[in-house]
N, C-alpha and C. Protein backbone atom coordinates (compact mmCIF):
# COMPACT_ATOMS: atom_id res chain seq x y z
N UNK A 1 1.14 -1.52 0.20
CA UNK A 1 0.02 0.07 -0.13
C UNK A 1 1.23 1.24 -0.08
N UNK A 2 0.27 2.30 -0.98
CA UNK A 2 1.04 3.72 -1.05
C UNK A 2 0.26 4.81 -0.32
N UNK A 3 0.78 5.61 1.00
CA UNK A 3 -0.21 6.39 0.99
C UNK A 3 0.38 7.74 0.88
N UNK A 4 -0.55 9.03 0.37
CA UNK A 4 0.38 9.99 -0.08
C UNK A 4 -1.15 11.30 0.33
N UNK A 5 -0.37 12.28 0.37
CA UNK A 5 -1.30 13.16 0.35
C UNK A 5 -1.91 13.67 -0.14
N UNK A 6 -3.20 14.35 -0.42
CA UNK A 6 -4.20 14.91 -0.90
C UNK A 6 -4.03 16.49 -0.98
N UNK A 7 -3.51 17.03 -1.77
CA UNK A 7 -3.44 18.86 -2.22
C UNK A 7 -4.30 19.58 -3.13
N UNK A 8 -4.79 20.32 -2.74
CA UNK A 8 -5.48 20.98 -3.40
C UNK A 8 -5.14 22.09 -4.16
N UNK A 9 -4.50 22.11 -5.47
CA UNK A 9 -3.48 22.75 -5.58
C UNK A 9 -3.88 24.19 -6.88
N UNK A 10 -5.09 24.04 -6.62
CA UNK A 10 -5.63 24.83 -7.28
C UNK A 10 -6.82 26.34 -5.96
N UNK A 11 -7.51 25.90 -5.55
CA UNK A 11 -8.17 26.86 -4.63
C UNK A 11 -7.88 26.41 -3.45
N UNK A 12 -7.10 27.00 -2.35
CA UNK A 12 -6.49 26.71 -1.49
C UNK A 12 -5.33 26.36 -0.97
N UNK A 13 -4.74 25.76 -2.37
CA UNK A 13 -3.07 25.15 -1.95
C UNK A 13 -2.80 25.07 -0.77
N UNK A 14 -3.64 23.72 -0.50
CA UNK A 14 -3.27 23.13 1.41
C UNK A 14 -3.29 21.72 0.53
N UNK A 15 -2.97 21.07 2.10
CA UNK A 15 -2.94 19.26 1.82
C UNK A 15 -4.50 19.33 2.80
N UNK A 16 -5.15 18.58 2.62
CA UNK A 16 -6.36 18.31 3.05
C UNK A 16 -6.66 16.47 3.31
N UNK A 17 -5.75 15.83 3.64
CA UNK A 17 -6.08 14.87 3.64
C UNK A 17 -4.76 13.43 3.05
N UNK A 18 -5.37 12.33 3.10
CA UNK A 18 -4.54 10.77 2.72
C UNK A 18 -5.86 10.39 2.12
N UNK A 19 -4.56 10.02 1.16
CA UNK A 19 -5.11 9.04 -0.04
C UNK A 19 -4.48 8.01 -0.17
N UNK A 20 -4.48 7.02 -1.14
CA UNK A 20 -3.89 5.45 -0.85
C UNK A 20 -4.01 5.50 -2.95
N UNK A 21 -2.64 5.45 -2.95
CA UNK A 21 -2.51 5.15 -4.33
C UNK A 21 -3.36 3.93 -5.25
N UNK A 22 -4.37 3.30 -5.78
CA UNK A 22 -4.75 1.87 -5.88
C UNK A 22 -4.16 1.56 -7.28
N UNK A 23 -3.91 2.66 -8.27
CA UNK A 23 -3.34 2.34 -9.77
C UNK A 23 -2.37 3.35 -9.60
N UNK A 24 -0.99 2.64 -9.92
CA UNK A 24 0.00 3.84 -10.19
C UNK A 24 -0.45 4.34 -11.73
N UNK A 25 0.71 5.00 -11.96
CA UNK A 25 0.72 5.62 -13.38
C UNK A 25 0.74 4.87 -14.47
N UNK A 26 -0.93 5.81 -15.12
CA UNK A 26 -1.12 5.20 -16.25
C UNK A 26 -1.59 6.30 -17.39
N UNK A 27 -1.29 6.45 -18.61
CA UNK A 27 -1.69 7.19 -19.60
C UNK A 27 -3.17 7.83 -19.37
N UNK A 28 -3.34 9.02 -18.88
CA UNK A 28 -3.94 9.87 -18.92
C UNK A 28 -5.63 9.54 -20.15
N UNK A 29 -6.10 9.21 -20.03
CA UNK A 29 -7.41 8.38 -21.07
C UNK A 29 -8.28 10.18 -21.68
N UNK A 30 -8.00 10.90 -20.35
CA UNK A 30 -8.42 12.53 -21.43
C UNK A 30 -7.78 13.67 -22.15
N UNK A 31 -5.96 13.25 -21.78
CA UNK A 31 -5.38 13.55 -22.59
C UNK A 31 -4.70 12.89 -24.27
N UNK A 32 -5.49 13.52 -25.13
CA UNK A 32 -5.72 12.93 -26.51
C UNK A 32 -4.02 12.95 -27.03
N UNK A 33 -3.30 14.00 -26.69
CA UNK A 33 -1.80 13.91 -27.33
C UNK A 33 -0.78 12.51 -26.19
N UNK A 34 -1.91 11.71 -25.02
CA UNK A 34 -1.09 10.62 -24.67
C UNK A 34 0.66 10.90 -23.93
N UNK A 35 0.75 12.35 -24.01
CA UNK A 35 1.64 12.72 -23.19
C UNK A 35 1.71 12.78 -21.06
N UNK A 36 0.48 13.03 -20.94
CA UNK A 36 0.54 12.66 -19.52
C UNK A 36 -0.21 11.28 -18.85
N UNK A 37 0.15 11.27 -17.78
CA UNK A 37 -0.27 10.00 -16.74
C UNK A 37 -1.30 11.01 -15.61
N UNK A 38 -1.95 9.69 -15.42
CA UNK A 38 -2.75 9.70 -13.74
C UNK A 38 -2.37 8.73 -13.31
N UNK A 39 -2.80 8.74 -11.84
CA UNK A 39 -2.65 7.83 -11.19
C UNK A 39 -4.00 8.15 -10.23
N UNK A 40 -4.66 6.96 -10.11
CA UNK A 40 -5.80 6.85 -9.39
C UNK A 40 -5.54 6.31 -7.27
N UNK A 41 -6.38 7.09 -6.79
CA UNK A 41 -6.26 7.46 -5.60
C UNK A 41 -7.93 6.48 -4.79
N UNK A 42 -7.79 6.60 -3.92
CA UNK A 42 -8.77 5.85 -2.89
C UNK A 42 -9.02 6.86 -1.93
N UNK A 43 -9.49 7.02 -0.96
CA UNK A 43 -10.27 8.50 -0.24
C UNK A 43 -9.55 7.52 1.49
N UNK A 44 -8.56 7.91 2.17
CA UNK A 44 -8.15 7.30 3.32
C UNK A 44 -9.14 7.99 4.82
N UNK A 45 -8.29 9.34 4.47
CA UNK A 45 -8.76 9.83 5.86
C UNK A 45 -7.99 11.69 5.68
N UNK A 46 -9.21 12.62 6.14
CA UNK A 46 -9.01 14.14 6.38
C UNK A 46 -7.55 13.95 7.01
N UNK A 47 -7.31 15.01 6.95
CA UNK A 47 -6.30 15.67 8.32
C UNK A 47 -7.06 15.96 9.47
N UNK A 48 -6.31 16.12 10.38
CA UNK A 48 -7.22 17.40 11.60
C UNK A 48 -7.36 18.63 11.17
N UNK A 49 -7.11 19.45 10.39
CA UNK A 49 -7.11 20.90 9.83
C UNK A 49 -5.59 20.56 8.44
N UNK A 50 -6.54 21.41 7.79
CA UNK A 50 -5.62 21.42 6.37
C UNK A 50 -4.50 22.39 6.84
N UNK A 51 -3.43 21.71 6.46
CA UNK A 51 -1.79 22.51 6.28
C UNK A 51 -1.30 23.17 4.49
N UNK A 52 -1.40 24.61 4.66
CA UNK A 52 -1.57 25.10 3.87
C UNK A 52 0.04 25.40 3.11
N UNK A 53 -0.14 25.69 2.08
CA UNK A 53 1.38 25.65 1.37
C UNK A 53 2.14 27.07 1.85
N UNK A 54 1.58 28.49 2.57
CA UNK A 54 2.28 29.46 3.24
C UNK A 54 2.87 28.55 4.77
N UNK A 55 2.00 27.59 5.54
CA UNK A 55 2.06 27.23 6.38
C UNK A 55 3.74 26.21 6.21
N UNK A 56 3.56 25.73 5.10
CA UNK A 56 4.72 24.75 4.94
C UNK A 56 6.01 25.84 4.34
N UNK A 57 5.90 26.47 3.53
CA UNK A 57 7.01 27.29 3.40
C UNK A 57 7.47 28.54 4.91
N UNK A 58 7.10 27.95 5.64
CA UNK A 58 7.02 29.09 6.81
C UNK A 58 7.94 27.98 8.02
N UNK A 59 7.83 26.60 7.84
CA UNK A 59 8.61 25.81 8.12
C UNK A 59 9.97 25.41 7.26
N UNK A 60 11.40 25.70 8.42
CA UNK A 60 12.31 25.30 7.56
C UNK A 60 12.70 24.31 7.23
N UNK A 61 12.35 23.17 8.20
CA UNK A 61 12.35 21.76 8.02
C UNK A 61 11.80 21.72 6.70
N UNK A 62 10.98 22.08 5.96
CA UNK A 62 10.17 21.58 4.87
C UNK A 62 10.86 22.59 3.86
N UNK A 63 11.69 23.53 4.06
CA UNK A 63 12.21 24.05 2.62
C UNK A 63 12.47 23.29 1.49
N UNK A 64 13.06 21.95 1.49
CA UNK A 64 13.47 21.28 0.10
C UNK A 64 12.08 20.80 -0.29
N UNK A 65 11.12 20.36 -0.17
CA UNK A 65 10.38 20.17 -0.85
C UNK A 65 10.24 20.99 -2.31
N UNK A 66 9.91 20.08 -3.30
CA UNK A 66 9.28 20.44 -4.25
C UNK A 66 8.34 21.44 -4.43
N UNK A 67 7.32 21.52 -4.05
CA UNK A 67 6.17 21.67 -4.14
C UNK A 67 6.28 23.60 -3.46
N UNK A 68 7.45 24.41 -2.27
CA UNK A 68 7.76 25.39 -2.58
C UNK A 68 7.95 26.35 -4.16
N UNK A 69 8.41 25.34 -4.62
CA UNK A 69 9.38 26.30 -5.90
C UNK A 69 8.07 25.75 -6.80
N UNK A 70 7.28 24.74 -6.84
CA UNK A 70 5.83 24.78 -7.74
C UNK A 70 4.51 24.12 -7.37
N UNK A 71 3.98 25.10 -6.81
CA UNK A 71 3.25 24.71 -6.18
C UNK A 71 1.68 23.92 -7.12
N UNK A 72 1.70 24.08 -7.75
CA UNK A 72 0.79 23.73 -8.57
C UNK A 72 1.33 22.44 -9.00
N UNK A 73 1.97 21.74 -8.43
CA UNK A 73 2.58 20.25 -8.44
C UNK A 73 1.87 19.37 -8.11
N UNK A 74 1.58 18.52 -9.56
CA UNK A 74 0.17 17.43 -8.85
C UNK A 74 0.96 16.25 -8.12
N UNK A 75 2.08 15.67 -8.36
CA UNK A 75 2.41 14.54 -7.67
C UNK A 75 4.27 15.39 -7.22
N UNK A 76 4.88 14.56 -6.28
CA UNK A 76 6.24 14.89 -5.70
C UNK A 76 6.29 13.92 -4.94
N UNK A 77 7.54 13.50 -4.55
CA UNK A 77 7.97 12.85 -3.95
C UNK A 77 8.37 13.49 -2.20
N UNK A 78 8.03 12.70 -1.58
CA UNK A 78 8.20 13.14 0.29
C UNK A 78 8.98 11.97 1.26
N UNK A 79 9.62 12.70 1.78
CA UNK A 79 10.77 12.20 2.75
C UNK A 79 9.77 11.22 3.99
N UNK A 80 9.80 10.17 4.91
CA UNK A 80 9.56 10.24 5.75
C UNK A 80 9.79 11.77 6.79
N UNK A 81 10.60 12.01 7.36
CA UNK A 81 10.52 13.36 8.27
C UNK A 81 9.05 14.28 7.70
N UNK A 82 9.65 14.77 6.48
CA UNK A 82 8.63 15.60 5.94
C UNK A 82 6.80 14.93 6.19
N UNK A 83 6.93 13.77 5.59
CA UNK A 83 5.41 13.23 6.26
C UNK A 83 5.05 13.48 7.61
N UNK A 84 6.09 13.22 8.41
CA UNK A 84 5.68 13.07 9.81
C UNK A 84 5.48 14.91 10.38
N UNK A 85 6.62 15.88 9.92
CA UNK A 85 5.82 16.98 10.64
C UNK A 85 4.54 17.47 9.87
N UNK A 86 4.57 17.56 8.87
CA UNK A 86 3.32 17.73 8.13
C UNK A 86 1.88 17.35 8.89
N UNK A 87 2.15 15.94 9.21
CA UNK A 87 0.98 15.90 9.84
C UNK A 87 0.84 15.99 11.42
N UNK A 88 1.97 16.55 11.87
CA UNK A 88 1.98 16.72 12.96
C UNK A 88 1.84 18.36 12.94
N UNK A 89 2.16 19.19 12.24
CA UNK A 89 1.66 20.38 11.91
C UNK A 89 -0.09 20.86 11.91
N UNK A 90 -0.94 19.47 11.24
CA UNK A 90 -1.98 19.66 11.36
C UNK A 90 -2.75 18.93 12.28
N UNK A 91 -2.33 18.16 13.94
CA UNK A 91 -2.78 17.70 14.89
C UNK A 91 -2.60 19.14 15.72
N UNK A 92 -1.48 19.84 15.46
CA UNK A 92 -1.14 21.20 16.34
C UNK A 92 -2.45 21.97 16.21
N UNK A 93 -2.32 22.16 14.66
CA UNK A 93 -3.63 23.09 14.80
C UNK A 93 -4.85 23.03 15.10
N UNK A 94 -4.90 21.85 15.63
CA UNK A 94 -6.48 21.21 16.36
C UNK A 94 -6.46 21.25 17.52
N UNK A 95 -5.25 21.15 18.28
CA UNK A 95 -5.54 21.24 19.43
C UNK A 95 -5.20 22.72 19.79
N UNK A 96 -4.51 23.40 19.52
CA UNK A 96 -4.99 25.50 19.15
C UNK A 96 -6.07 25.83 19.13
N UNK A 97 -6.98 24.86 18.15
CA UNK A 97 -8.64 25.31 17.69
C UNK A 97 -9.15 24.46 18.95
N UNK A 98 -8.58 24.39 19.61
CA UNK A 98 -9.72 23.86 20.86
C UNK A 98 -9.12 24.21 22.16
N UNK A 99 -7.90 24.85 22.05
CA UNK A 99 -8.22 25.59 23.66
C UNK A 99 -8.29 27.34 23.48
N UNK A 100 -8.44 27.55 21.78
CA UNK A 100 -8.51 29.28 21.87
C UNK A 100 -9.50 29.48 21.98
C-alpha cells in the first residue's frame, strides 16, 4: 500500500487529507496527446486541519520540498521526516483550535 497526501493545488493550496494509490501511473485517458499520466487514488482520511502552502513555506524543516518552488505540482516525492512534520502540523492546529 502506498499512501500520499491529497493537496488542493488550485483553490486553497493546502494539504487536506491522505489517500491510497489504487493504481500507479497510467496514460491519462482525457489527454488526446497521450503525453500525460494519471494515478488512481482512494480516500483514506482527512487531516485534522488542512496544512496550507504558506505554513509549509514557513517551516524551515520543509524548505527542500518541491512544492515550495512549484505550488501547482500534482505529484512529488516526500521523505518520511517531512511526512511526519506535516501530519504533526495538522494535529497542533487542531489542539490550538480547541484551546483558543
